[in-house]
């Protein structure tokens, strides 16, 4: 059975962390864990807060092509969790109103002044293609 984006979103609703892959200036791939802050109603867009003065922001500015990989744990009965690989383009948002729309209290741990933390920026990754494997099915969704 081929999944639709809403089907996939249902399977992804409890996945918070992913690995974000960017291209470094040397042609290498850089990866790091990122939290989507519980903003998991997946519709093809993912949002991540960061500080502006980081390698990932410099890499996204140079080449906005990114990949995200998500993994859900196996079920209690041992059925494999889902694996999701997103190919997309990142954009940087510096709009306080958009920050507020995606803010959760747990972010205060990393951004102690909330949406007013100096140097904060929001990374939006819009998916072009989403590949999935769930132990029973696999496929690609074009967004």
Protein backbone atom coordinates (compact mmCIF):
# COMPACT_ATOMS: atom_id res chain seq x y z
CA UNK A 1 0.00 0.00 0.00
CA UNK A 2 1.42 3.37 -0.99
CA UNK A 3 1.17 5.98 1.74
CA UNK A 4 -0.18 9.47 1.20
CA UNK A 5 1.32 12.48 2.96
CA UNK A 6 -1.50 12.46 5.60
CA UNK A 7 -0.86 8.71 6.19
CA UNK A 8 2.84 9.39 6.62
CA UNK A 9 2.14 12.34 8.94
CA UNK A 10 0.14 10.02 11.22
CA UNK A 11 3.10 7.61 11.42
CA UNK A 12 5.51 10.49 12.12
CA UNK A 13 3.46 12.28 14.78
CA UNK A 14 5.56 11.08 17.71
CA UNK A 15 8.97 11.61 16.09
CA UNK A 16 10.65 14.72 17.48
CA UNK A 17 14.32 14.38 16.57
CA UNK A 18 15.90 13.93 13.19
CA UNK A 19 19.30 14.26 11.61
CA UNK A 20 19.72 17.32 9.38
CA UNK A 21 22.29 16.98 6.61
CA UNK A 22 23.77 19.99 4.85
CA UNK A 23 26.62 20.43 2.39
CA UNK A 24 29.78 21.94 3.75
CA UNK A 25 31.97 24.28 1.71
CA UNK A 26 34.51 21.51 1.19
CA UNK A 27 31.97 19.32 -0.62
CA UNK A 28 31.49 17.08 2.40
CA UNK A 29 28.20 16.28 4.08
CA UNK A 30 27.65 17.65 7.58
CA UNK A 31 25.00 16.19 9.87
CA UNK A 32 23.64 17.01 13.28
CA UNK A 33 20.61 16.10 15.40
CA UNK A 34 17.78 18.61 15.38
CA UNK A 35 14.48 18.78 17.23
CA UNK A 36 11.34 19.91 15.49
CA UNK A 37 10.13 20.99 18.94
CA UNK A 38 7.05 18.81 18.94
CA UNK A 39 5.83 20.56 15.77
CA UNK A 40 5.09 17.18 14.23
CA UNK A 41 1.85 17.67 12.28
CA UNK A 42 3.84 16.92 9.14
CA UNK A 43 2.61 18.57 5.96
CA UNK A 44 5.90 18.65 4.05
CA UNK A 45 7.40 21.48 6.10
CA UNK A 46 9.67 21.09 9.12
CA UNK A 47 10.77 23.90 11.44
CA UNK A 48 13.90 24.10 13.58
CA UNK A 49 15.22 26.91 15.77
CA UNK A 50 18.92 27.74 15.72
CA UNK A 51 21.36 30.49 16.40
CA UNK A 52 22.40 32.46 13.31
CA UNK A 53 26.13 32.25 13.96
CA UNK A 54 26.54 28.51 13.29
CA UNK A 55 28.09 26.37 10.60
CA UNK A 56 24.71 24.93 9.64
CA UNK A 57 23.32 28.41 8.91
CA UNK A 58 26.39 29.29 6.84
CA UNK A 59 26.02 26.00 4.95
CA UNK A 60 22.30 26.55 4.31
CA UNK A 61 23.04 30.09 3.10
CA UNK A 62 25.62 28.73 0.64
CA UNK A 63 23.45 25.79 -0.51
CA UNK A 64 19.88 25.42 0.76
CA UNK A 65 19.63 21.78 -0.34
CA UNK A 66 19.20 19.66 2.80
CA UNK A 67 18.17 16.19 3.87
CA UNK A 68 16.35 15.17 7.03
CA UNK A 69 16.22 11.62 8.35
CA UNK A 70 13.63 10.51 10.91
CA UNK A 71 13.33 7.15 12.66
CA UNK A 72 10.52 5.86 14.86
CA UNK A 73 11.24 3.07 17.35
CA UNK A 74 9.78 -0.42 16.89
CA UNK A 75 6.31 -1.10 18.26
CA UNK A 76 5.75 -3.04 21.48
CA UNK A 77 5.07 -6.14 19.39
CA UNK A 78 8.35 -5.79 17.51
CA UNK A 79 7.07 -4.35 14.24
CA UNK A 80 9.79 -2.09 12.84
CA UNK A 81 9.30 1.63 13.20
CA UNK A 82 9.20 3.85 10.17
CA UNK A 83 12.28 5.35 8.53
CA UNK A 84 11.77 8.61 6.65
CA UNK A 85 14.24 10.48 4.46
CA UNK A 86 13.28 13.98 3.31
CA UNK A 87 14.95 15.78 0.42
CA UNK A 88 14.21 19.47 0.46
CA UNK A 89 15.24 23.09 0.52
CA UNK A 90 15.86 25.16 3.60
CA UNK A 91 14.97 28.79 4.06
CA UNK A 92 15.79 31.05 6.99
CA UNK A 93 13.08 33.01 8.78
CA UNK A 94 13.79 35.95 11.09
CA UNK A 95 10.17 36.96 11.77
CA UNK A 96 9.17 37.15 15.46
CA UNK A 97 5.52 36.36 14.65
CA UNK A 98 6.58 33.15 12.90
CA UNK A 99 8.85 32.33 15.85
CA UNK A 100 5.85 32.63 18.17
CA UNK A 101 3.75 30.35 15.96
CA UNK A 102 6.33 27.56 16.33
CA UNK A 103 7.56 28.24 19.88
CA UNK A 104 7.16 25.75 22.71
CA UNK A 105 8.20 26.33 26.32
CA UNK A 106 10.82 23.54 26.19
CA UNK A 107 12.88 25.71 23.82
CA UNK A 108 13.75 28.01 26.73
CA UNK A 109 16.43 25.47 27.59
CA UNK A 110 18.44 26.50 24.51
CA UNK A 111 17.06 29.99 23.96
CA UNK A 112 16.76 31.53 27.44
CA UNK A 113 15.13 34.79 26.31
CA UNK A 114 12.47 33.00 24.27
CA UNK A 115 11.64 34.48 20.88
CA UNK A 116 13.60 37.58 21.90
CA UNK A 117 16.88 35.65 22.28
CA UNK A 118 19.57 37.57 20.34
CA UNK A 119 20.76 35.77 17.21
CA UNK A 120 17.85 33.34 16.99
CA UNK A 121 16.61 32.17 13.59
CA UNK A 122 14.09 29.63 12.34
CA UNK A 123 15.01 27.09 9.68
CA UNK A 124 12.12 25.96 7.49
CA UNK A 125 12.72 22.86 5.41
CA UNK A 126 10.21 22.34 2.62
CA UNK A 127 10.21 18.78 1.30
CA UNK A 128 10.45 18.07 -2.41
CA UNK A 129 10.46 14.29 -1.98
CA UNK A 130 9.90 12.05 1.01
CA UNK A 131 11.09 8.43 1.00
CA UNK A 132 9.76 6.01 3.60
CA UNK A 133 10.27 2.43 4.76
CA UNK A 134 8.09 0.91 7.46
CA UNK A 135 8.96 -2.80 7.46
CA UNK A 136 5.94 -3.63 5.30
CA UNK A 137 5.98 -0.97 2.64
CA UNK A 138 8.24 1.62 1.10
CA UNK A 139 7.74 4.41 -1.35
CA UNK A 140 8.29 7.99 -2.36
CA UNK A 141 5.93 10.92 -1.97
CA UNK A 142 6.47 14.01 -4.08
CA UNK A 143 5.39 17.10 -2.16
